[in-house]
PDB file of N, CA and C in Angstrom:
ATOM      1  N   MET A   1       3.991   1.878  34.619  1.00  0.00           N
ATOM      2  CA  MET A   1       4.335   1.476  33.268  1.00  0.00           C
ATOM      3  C   MET A   1       5.379   2.440  32.711  1.00  0.00           C
ATOM      4  N   THR A   2       6.281   1.886  31.953  1.00  0.00           N
ATOM      5  CA  THR A   2       7.294   2.727  31.331  1.00  0.00           C
ATOM      6  C   THR A   2       6.766   3.241  29.997  1.00  0.00           C
ATOM      7  N   LEU A   3       7.467   4.194  29.450  1.00  0.00           N
ATOM      8  CA  LEU A   3       7.040   4.831  28.207  1.00  0.00           C
ATOM      9  C   LEU A   3       6.992   3.861  27.027  1.00  0.00           C
ATOM     10  N   PRO A   4       8.008   3.021  26.789  1.00  0.00           N
ATOM     11  CA  PRO A   4       7.910   2.085  25.659  1.00  0.00           C
ATOM     12  C   PRO A   4       6.767   1.086  25.801  1.00  0.00           C
ATOM     13  N   THR A   5       6.509   0.639  27.013  1.00  0.00           N
ATOM     14  CA  THR A   5       5.414  -0.301  27.232  1.00  0.00           C
ATOM     15  C   THR A   5       4.072   0.362  26.942  1.00  0.00           C
ATOM     16  N   LEU A   6       3.928   1.600  27.360  1.00  0.00           N
ATOM     17  CA  LEU A   6       2.697   2.343  27.097  1.00  0.00           C
ATOM     18  C   LEU A   6       2.512   2.593  25.605  1.00  0.00           C
ATOM     19  N   ALA A   7       3.592   2.906  24.909  1.00  0.00           N
ATOM     20  CA  ALA A   7       3.519   3.139  23.464  1.00  0.00           C
ATOM     21  C   ALA A   7       3.122   1.869  22.727  1.00  0.00           C
ATOM     22  N   ILE A   8       3.692   0.748  23.134  1.00  0.00           N
ATOM     23  CA  ILE A   8       3.349  -0.526  22.496  1.00  0.00           C
ATOM     24  C   ILE A   8       1.895  -0.887  22.761  1.00  0.00           C
ATOM     25  N   ALA A   9       1.415  -0.624  23.964  1.00  0.00           N
ATOM     26  CA  ALA A   9       0.009  -0.904  24.289  1.00  0.00           C
ATOM     27  C   ALA A   9      -0.922  -0.033  23.445  1.00  0.00           C
ATOM     28  N   CYS A  10      -0.587   1.246  23.285  1.00  0.00           N
ATOM     29  CA  CYS A  10      -1.412   2.148  22.469  1.00  0.00           C
ATOM     30  C   CYS A  10      -1.422   1.713  21.006  1.00  0.00           C
ATOM     31  N   LEU A  11      -0.265   1.346  20.468  1.00  0.00           N
ATOM     32  CA  LEU A  11      -0.199   0.881  19.083  1.00  0.00           C
ATOM     33  C   LEU A  11      -0.976  -0.411  18.882  1.00  0.00           C
ATOM     34  N   THR A  12      -0.950  -1.279  19.860  1.00  0.00           N
ATOM     35  CA  THR A  12      -1.705  -2.525  19.776  1.00  0.00           C
ATOM     36  C   THR A  12      -3.207  -2.248  19.740  1.00  0.00           C
ATOM     37  N   ILE A  13      -3.660  -1.338  20.570  1.00  0.00           N
ATOM     38  CA  ILE A  13      -5.088  -0.976  20.605  1.00  0.00           C
ATOM     39  C   ILE A  13      -5.518  -0.356  19.287  1.00  0.00           C
ATOM     40  N   VAL A  14      -4.699   0.558  18.744  1.00  0.00           N
ATOM     41  CA  VAL A  14      -5.020   1.201  17.461  1.00  0.00           C
ATOM     42  C   VAL A  14      -5.060   0.163  16.342  1.00  0.00           C
ATOM     43  N   THR A  15      -4.122  -0.770  16.346  1.00  0.00           N
ATOM     44  CA  THR A  15      -4.079  -1.811  15.317  1.00  0.00           C
ATOM     45  C   THR A  15      -5.304  -2.708  15.391  1.00  0.00           C
ATOM     46  N   ILE A  16      -5.698  -3.102  16.570  1.00  0.00           N
ATOM     47  CA  ILE A  16      -6.884  -3.949  16.729  1.00  0.00           C
ATOM     48  C   ILE A  16      -8.142  -3.210  16.272  1.00  0.00           C
ATOM     49  N   CYS A  17      -8.239  -1.930  16.593  1.00  0.00           N
ATOM     50  CA  CYS A  17      -9.388  -1.140  16.139  1.00  0.00           C
ATOM     51  C   CYS A  17      -9.420  -1.033  14.616  1.00  0.00           C
ATOM     52  N   TYR A  18      -8.250  -0.851  13.972  1.00  0.00           N
ATOM     53  CA  TYR A  18      -8.202  -0.752  12.516  1.00  0.00           C
ATOM     54  C   TYR A  18      -8.564  -2.083  11.868  1.00  0.00           C
ATOM     55  N   ILE A  19      -8.127  -3.187  12.450  1.00  0.00           N
ATOM     56  CA  ILE A  19      -8.491  -4.503  11.932  1.00  0.00           C
ATOM     57  C   ILE A  19     -10.006  -4.701  12.024  1.00  0.00           C
ATOM     58  N   GLY A  20     -10.600  -4.277  13.122  1.00  0.00           N
ATOM     59  CA  GLY A  20     -12.056  -4.361  13.261  1.00  0.00           C
ATOM     60  C   GLY A  20     -12.776  -3.494  12.246  1.00  0.00           C
ATOM     61  N   LEU A  21     -12.243  -2.297  11.998  1.00  0.00           N
ATOM     62  CA  LEU A  21     -12.845  -1.407  10.999  1.00  0.00           C
ATOM     63  C   LEU A  21     -12.776  -2.023   9.611  1.00  0.00           C
ATOM     64  N   CYS A  22     -11.642  -2.631   9.266  1.00  0.00           N
ATOM     65  CA  CYS A  22     -11.488  -3.263   7.954  1.00  0.00           C
ATOM     66  C   CYS A  22     -12.414  -4.468   7.809  1.00  0.00           C
ATOM     67  N   ALA A  23     -12.678  -5.163   8.904  1.00  0.00           N
ATOM     68  CA  ALA A  23     -13.571  -6.314   8.841  1.00  0.00           C
ATOM     69  C   ALA A  23     -15.027  -5.882   8.681  1.00  0.00           C
ATOM     70  N   VAL A  24     -15.408  -4.825   9.384  1.00  0.00           N
ATOM     71  CA  VAL A  24     -16.802  -4.363   9.339  1.00  0.00           C
ATOM     72  C   VAL A  24     -17.085  -3.562   8.074  1.00  0.00           C
ATOM     73  N   SER A  25     -16.171  -2.679   7.705  1.00  0.00           N
ATOM     74  CA  SER A  25     -16.365  -1.806   6.550  1.00  0.00           C
ATOM     75  C   SER A  25     -15.115  -1.851   5.671  1.00  0.00           C
ATOM     76  N   PRO A  26     -15.042  -2.791   4.717  1.00  0.00           N
ATOM     77  CA  PRO A  26     -13.817  -2.932   3.926  1.00  0.00           C
ATOM     78  C   PRO A  26     -13.585  -1.798   2.933  1.00  0.00           C
ATOM     79  N   PHE A  27     -14.598  -1.012   2.638  1.00  0.00           N
ATOM     80  CA  PHE A  27     -14.451   0.083   1.683  1.00  0.00           C
ATOM     81  C   PHE A  27     -14.617   1.420   2.385  1.00  0.00           C
ATOM     82  N   GLY A  28     -13.805   2.389   1.978  1.00  0.00           N
ATOM     83  CA  GLY A  28     -13.890   3.743   2.504  1.00  0.00           C
ATOM     84  C   GLY A  28     -14.146   4.717   1.370  1.00  0.00           C
ATOM     85  N   ASN A  29     -14.402   5.956   1.697  1.00  0.00           N
ATOM     86  CA  ASN A  29     -14.620   6.973   0.674  1.00  0.00           C
ATOM     87  C   ASN A  29     -13.336   7.245  -0.089  1.00  0.00           C
ATOM     88  N   CYS A  30     -13.485   7.587  -1.354  1.00  0.00           N
ATOM     89  CA  CYS A  30     -12.340   7.962  -2.181  1.00  0.00           C
ATOM     90  C   CYS A  30     -11.697   9.208  -1.582  1.00  0.00           C
ATOM     91  N   ARG A  31     -10.379   9.228  -1.523  1.00  0.00           N
ATOM     92  CA  ARG A  31      -9.693  10.354  -0.902  1.00  0.00           C
ATOM     93  C   ARG A  31      -9.698  11.589  -1.785  1.00  0.00           C
ATOM     94  N   ARG A  32      -9.693  11.404  -3.072  1.00  0.00           N
ATOM     95  CA  ARG A  32      -9.614  12.547  -3.976  1.00  0.00           C
ATOM     96  C   ARG A  32     -10.942  13.303  -4.063  1.00  0.00           C
ATOM     97  N   CYS A  33     -12.040  12.592  -4.265  1.00  0.00           N
ATOM     98  CA  CYS A  33     -13.340  13.263  -4.426  1.00  0.00           C
ATOM     99  C   CYS A  33     -14.154  13.247  -3.141  1.00  0.00           C
ATOM    100  N   ARG A  34     -13.616  12.665  -2.070  1.00  0.00           N
ATOM    101  CA  ARG A  34     -14.268  12.572  -0.762  1.00  0.00           C
ATOM    102  C   ARG A  34     -15.618  11.858  -0.818  1.00  0.00           C
ATOM    103  N   GLY A  35     -15.759  10.912  -1.744  1.00  0.00           N
ATOM    104  CA  GLY A  35     -16.969  10.099  -1.822  1.00  0.00           C
ATOM    105  C   GLY A  35     -18.080  10.697  -2.657  1.00  0.00           C
ATOM    106  N   PHE A  36     -17.812  11.769  -3.415  1.00  0.00           N
ATOM    107  CA  PHE A  36     -18.841  12.358  -4.273  1.00  0.00           C
ATOM    108  C   PHE A  36     -18.922  11.665  -5.631  1.00  0.00           C
ATOM    109  N   GLY A  37     -17.813  11.114  -6.106  1.00  0.00           N
ATOM    110  CA  GLY A  37     -17.791  10.471  -7.410  1.00  0.00           C
ATOM    111  C   GLY A  37     -17.367  11.409  -8.517  1.00  0.00           C
ATOM    112  N   TYR A  38     -17.242  12.673  -8.216  1.00  0.00           N
ATOM    113  CA  TYR A  38     -16.792  13.669  -9.179  1.00  0.00           C
ATOM    114  C   TYR A  38     -16.088  14.782  -8.422  1.00  0.00           C
ATOM    115  N   GLN A  39     -15.274  15.508  -9.123  1.00  0.00           N
ATOM    116  CA  GLN A  39     -14.597  16.624  -8.497  1.00  0.00           C
ATOM    117  C   GLN A  39     -15.499  17.848  -8.568  1.00  0.00           C
ATOM    118  N   LEU A  40     -15.517  18.626  -7.502  1.00  0.00           N
ATOM    119  CA  LEU A  40     -16.348  19.821  -7.464  1.00  0.00           C
ATOM    120  C   LEU A  40     -15.627  20.976  -8.136  1.00  0.00           C
ATOM    121  N   LYS A  41     -16.384  21.794  -8.853  1.00  0.00           N
ATOM    122  CA  LYS A  41     -15.810  23.001  -9.431  1.00  0.00           C
ATOM    123  C   LYS A  41     -16.809  24.131  -9.277  1.00  0.00           C
ATOM    124  N   LYS A  42     -16.320  25.342  -9.363  1.00  0.00           N
ATOM    125  CA  LYS A  42     -17.180  26.514  -9.201  1.00  0.00           C
ATOM    126  C   LYS A  42     -17.451  27.144 -10.557  1.00  0.00           C
ATOM    127  N   ASP A  43     -18.692  27.624 -10.726  1.00  0.00           N
ATOM    128  CA  ASP A  43     -18.996  28.332 -11.961  1.00  0.00           C
ATOM    129  C   ASP A  43     -18.629  29.809 -11.799  1.00  0.00           C
ATOM    130  N   ARG A  44     -19.003  30.635 -12.753  1.00  0.00           N
ATOM    131  CA  ARG A  44     -18.607  32.046 -12.726  1.00  0.00           C
ATOM    132  C   ARG A  44     -19.186  32.809 -11.539  1.00  0.00           C
ATOM    133  N   ARG A  45     -20.321  32.364 -11.078  1.00  0.00           N
ATOM    134  CA  ARG A  45     -20.952  33.052  -9.947  1.00  0.00           C
ATOM    135  C   ARG A  45     -20.456  32.540  -8.597  1.00  0.00           C
ATOM    136  N   GLY A  46     -19.615  31.527  -8.599  1.00  0.00           N
ATOM    137  CA  GLY A  46     -19.076  30.998  -7.363  1.00  0.00           C
ATOM    138  C   GLY A  46     -19.859  29.842  -6.776  1.00  0.00           C
ATOM    139  N   ARG A  47     -20.886  29.391  -7.485  1.00  0.00           N
ATOM    140  CA  ARG A  47     -21.666  28.252  -7.011  1.00  0.00           C
ATOM    141  C   ARG A  47     -20.925  26.950  -7.307  1.00  0.00           C
ATOM    142  N   VAL A  48     -21.056  26.012  -6.415  1.00  0.00           N
ATOM    143  CA  VAL A  48     -20.379  24.733  -6.573  1.00  0.00           C
ATOM    144  C   VAL A  48     -21.204  23.837  -7.484  1.00  0.00           C
ATOM    145  N   ARG A  49     -20.551  23.287  -8.498  1.00  0.00           N
ATOM    146  CA  ARG A  49     -21.198  22.405  -9.464  1.00  0.00           C
ATOM    147  C   ARG A  49     -20.406  21.108  -9.586  1.00  0.00           C
ATOM    148  N   PRO A  50     -21.070  20.047 -10.017  1.00  0.00           N
ATOM    149  CA  PRO A  50     -20.304  18.823 -10.263  1.00  0.00           C
ATOM    150  C   PRO A  50     -19.415  18.993 -11.486  1.00  0.00           C
ATOM    151  N   GLY A  51     -18.198  18.507 -11.374  1.00  0.00           N
ATOM    152  CA  GLY A  51     -17.248  18.598 -12.476  1.00  0.00           C
ATOM    153  C   GLY A  51     -17.099  17.253 -13.164  1.00  0.00           C
ATOM    154  N   LYS A  52     -15.883  16.958 -13.546  1.00  0.00           N
ATOM    155  CA  LYS A  52     -15.595  15.705 -14.230  1.00  0.00           C
ATOM    156  C   LYS A  52     -15.692  14.531 -13.256  1.00  0.00           C
ATOM    157  N   THR A  53     -15.888  13.354 -13.825  1.00  0.00           N
ATOM    158  CA  THR A  53     -15.879  12.141 -13.018  1.00  0.00           C
ATOM    159  C   THR A  53     -14.489  11.958 -12.424  1.00  0.00           C
ATOM    160  N   CYS A  54     -14.439  11.520 -11.193  1.00  0.00           N
ATOM    161  CA  CYS A  54     -13.170  11.340 -10.485  1.00  0.00           C
ATOM    162  C   CYS A  54     -12.300  10.319 -11.217  1.00  0.00           C
ATOM    163  N   ARG A  55     -11.039  10.675 -11.450  1.00  0.00           N
ATOM    164  CA  ARG A  55     -10.133   9.782 -12.171  1.00  0.00           C
ATOM    165  C   ARG A  55      -9.647   8.633 -11.303  1.00  0.00           C
ATOM    166  N   ARG A  56      -9.620   8.831 -10.016  1.00  0.00           N
ATOM    167  CA  ARG A  56      -9.104   7.783  -9.130  1.00  0.00           C
ATOM    168  C   ARG A  56     -10.124   6.665  -8.926  1.00  0.00           C
ATOM    169  N   CYS A  57     -11.368   7.014  -8.611  1.00  0.00           N
ATOM    170  CA  CYS A  57     -12.374   5.974  -8.328  1.00  0.00           C
ATOM    171  C   CYS A  57     -13.313   5.724  -9.507  1.00  0.00           C
ATOM    172  N   HIS A  58     -13.178   6.492 -10.596  1.00  0.00           N
ATOM    173  CA  HIS A  58     -14.012   6.350 -11.793  1.00  0.00           C
ATOM    174  C   HIS A  58     -15.501   6.499 -11.481  1.00  0.00           C
ATOM    175  N   GLY A  59     -15.825   7.332 -10.509  1.00  0.00           N
ATOM    176  CA  GLY A  59     -17.211   7.582 -10.154  1.00  0.00           C
ATOM    177  C   GLY A  59     -17.816   6.544  -9.233  1.00  0.00           C
ATOM    178  N   ASP A  60     -17.034   5.551  -8.789  1.00  0.00           N
ATOM    179  CA  ASP A  60     -17.566   4.516  -7.897  1.00  0.00           C
ATOM    180  C   ASP A  60     -17.725   5.010  -6.468  1.00  0.00           C
ATOM    181  N   ARG A  61     -17.044   6.090  -6.116  1.00  0.00           N
ATOM    182  CA  ARG A  61     -17.106   6.748  -4.815  1.00  0.00           C
ATOM    183  C   ARG A  61     -16.379   6.014  -3.701  1.00  0.00           C
ATOM    184  N   LYS A  62     -16.006   4.781  -3.890  1.00  0.00           N
ATOM    185  CA  LYS A  62     -15.405   3.998  -2.818  1.00  0.00           C
ATOM    186  C   LYS A  62     -14.026   3.501  -3.221  1.00  0.00           C
ATOM    187  N   ARG A  63     -13.213   3.190  -2.227  1.00  0.00           N
ATOM    188  CA  ARG A  63     -11.899   2.586  -2.419  1.00  0.00           C
ATOM    189  C   ARG A  63     -11.747   1.489  -1.383  1.00  0.00           C
ATOM    190  N   ILE A  64     -10.902   0.526  -1.675  1.00  0.00           N
ATOM    191  CA  ILE A  64     -10.671  -0.539  -0.710  1.00  0.00           C
ATOM    192  C   ILE A  64      -9.627  -0.051   0.292  1.00  0.00           C
ATOM    193  N   ARG A  65      -9.835  -0.343   1.543  1.00  0.00           N
ATOM    194  CA  ARG A  65      -8.894   0.075   2.576  1.00  0.00           C
ATOM    195  C   ARG A  65      -7.596  -0.715   2.462  1.00  0.00           C
ATOM    196  N   VAL A  66      -6.497  -0.125   2.912  1.00  0.00           N
ATOM    197  CA  VAL A  66      -5.185  -0.752   2.809  1.00  0.00           C
ATOM    198  C   VAL A  66      -5.153  -2.063   3.594  1.00  0.00           C
ATOM    199  N   GLY A  67      -5.705  -2.061   4.797  1.00  0.00           N
ATOM    200  CA  GLY A  67      -5.707  -3.270   5.615  1.00  0.00           C
ATOM    201  C   GLY A  67      -6.498  -4.397   4.970  1.00  0.00           C
ATOM    202  N   ARG A  68      -7.614  -4.066   4.359  1.00  0.00           N
ATOM    203  CA  ARG A  68      -8.427  -5.089   3.696  1.00  0.00           C
ATOM    204  C   ARG A  68      -7.710  -5.614   2.457  1.00  0.00           C
ATOM    205  N   HIS A  69      -7.020  -4.725   1.736  1.00  0.00           N
ATOM    206  CA  HIS A  69      -6.257  -5.155   0.571  1.00  0.00           C
ATOM    207  C   HIS A  69      -5.152  -6.129   0.981  1.00  0.00           C
ATOM    208  N   LEU A  70      -4.451  -5.821   2.066  1.00  0.00           N
ATOM    209  CA  LEU A  70      -3.402  -6.723   2.553  1.00  0.00           C
ATOM    210  C   LEU A  70      -3.979  -8.064   2.993  1.00  0.00           C
ATOM    211  N   PHE A  71      -5.140  -8.035   3.635  1.00  0.00           N
ATOM    212  CA  PHE A  71      -5.805  -9.283   4.032  1.00  0.00           C
ATOM    213  C   PHE A  71      -6.190 -10.105   2.810  1.00  0.00           C
ATOM    214  N   ASN A  72      -6.730  -9.451   1.775  1.00  0.00           N
ATOM    215  CA  ASN A  72      -7.112 -10.164   0.553  1.00  0.00           C
ATOM    216  C   ASN A  72      -5.899 -10.796  -0.122  1.00  0.00           C
ATOM    217  N   VAL A  73      -4.769 -10.059  -0.158  1.00  0.00           N
ATOM    218  CA  VAL A  73      -3.551 -10.602  -0.764  1.00  0.00           C
ATOM    219  C   VAL A  73      -3.062 -11.818   0.025  1.00  0.00           C
ATOM    220  N   ALA A  74      -3.054 -11.720   1.353  1.00  0.00           N
ATOM    221  CA  ALA A  74      -2.598 -12.835   2.186  1.00  0.00           C
ATOM    222  C   ALA A  74      -3.524 -14.041   2.034  1.00  0.00           C
ATOM    223  N   ALA A  75      -4.829 -13.808   1.996  1.00  0.00           N
ATOM    224  CA  ALA A  75      -5.781 -14.909   1.846  1.00  0.00           C
ATOM    225  C   ALA A  75      -5.627 -15.579   0.482  1.00  0.00           C
ATOM    226  N   ARG A  76      -5.422 -14.787  -0.561  1.00  0.00           N
ATOM    227  CA  ARG A  76      -5.234 -15.346  -1.897  1.00  0.00           C
ATOM    228  C   ARG A  76      -3.939 -16.150  -1.972  1.00  0.00           C
ATOM    229  N   LEU A  77      -2.871 -15.643  -1.356  1.00  0.00           N
ATOM    230  CA  LEU A  77      -1.602 -16.350  -1.342  1.00  0.00           C
ATOM    231  C   LEU A  77      -1.725 -17.674  -0.593  1.00  0.00           C
ATOM    232  N   HIS A  78      -2.410 -17.671   0.529  1.00  0.00           N
ATOM    233  CA  HIS A  78      -2.615 -18.905   1.303  1.00  0.00           C
ATOM    234  C   HIS A  78      -3.477 -19.895   0.511  1.00  0.00           C
ATOM    235  N   ARG A  79      -4.530 -19.416  -0.097  1.00  0.00           N
ATOM    236  CA  ARG A  79      -5.428 -20.289  -0.854  1.00  0.00           C
ATOM    237  C   ARG A  79      -4.704 -20.911  -2.041  1.00  0.00           C
ATOM    238  N   ASP A  80      -3.904 -20.117  -2.766  1.00  0.00           N
ATOM    239  CA  ASP A  80      -3.186 -20.646  -3.924  1.00  0.00           C
ATOM    240  C   ASP A  80      -2.055 -21.584  -3.501  1.00  0.00           C
ATOM    241  N   GLY A  81      -1.476 -21.366  -2.332  1.00  0.00           N
ATOM    242  CA  GLY A  81      -0.380 -22.209  -1.882  1.00  0.00           C
ATOM    243  C   GLY A  81      -0.817 -23.532  -1.297  1.00  0.00           C
ATOM    244  N   THR A  82      -2.075 -23.664  -0.901  1.00  0.00           N
ATOM    245  CA  THR A  82      -2.546 -24.906  -0.276  1.00  0.00           C
ATOM    246  C   THR A  82      -3.404 -25.746  -1.222  1.00  0.00           C
ATOM    247  N   ARG A  83      -3.470 -25.388  -2.454  1.00  0.00           N
ATOM    248  CA  ARG A  83      -4.266 -26.182  -3.401  1.00  0.00           C
ATOM    249  C   ARG A  83      -3.542 -27.410  -3.825  1.00  0.00           C
TER     250      ARG A  83
END
């Protein structure tokens, strides 16, 4: 196998795995708070305490994956176009 063929095969495998992940688990942890729902802060003694509610996920802890969002947009576009 040549290098471009091997690269295309690897990218195809990674893409199929990501599509499977989006189908099985459409939501992932929030990137900012890492799924805690709030940002961690330290008090004066250095102990970790919960801080403010995460501004990105609003305390929901989850975000929709990019692949699932694209699938939802495509499905909505198809559904609205075939009515």
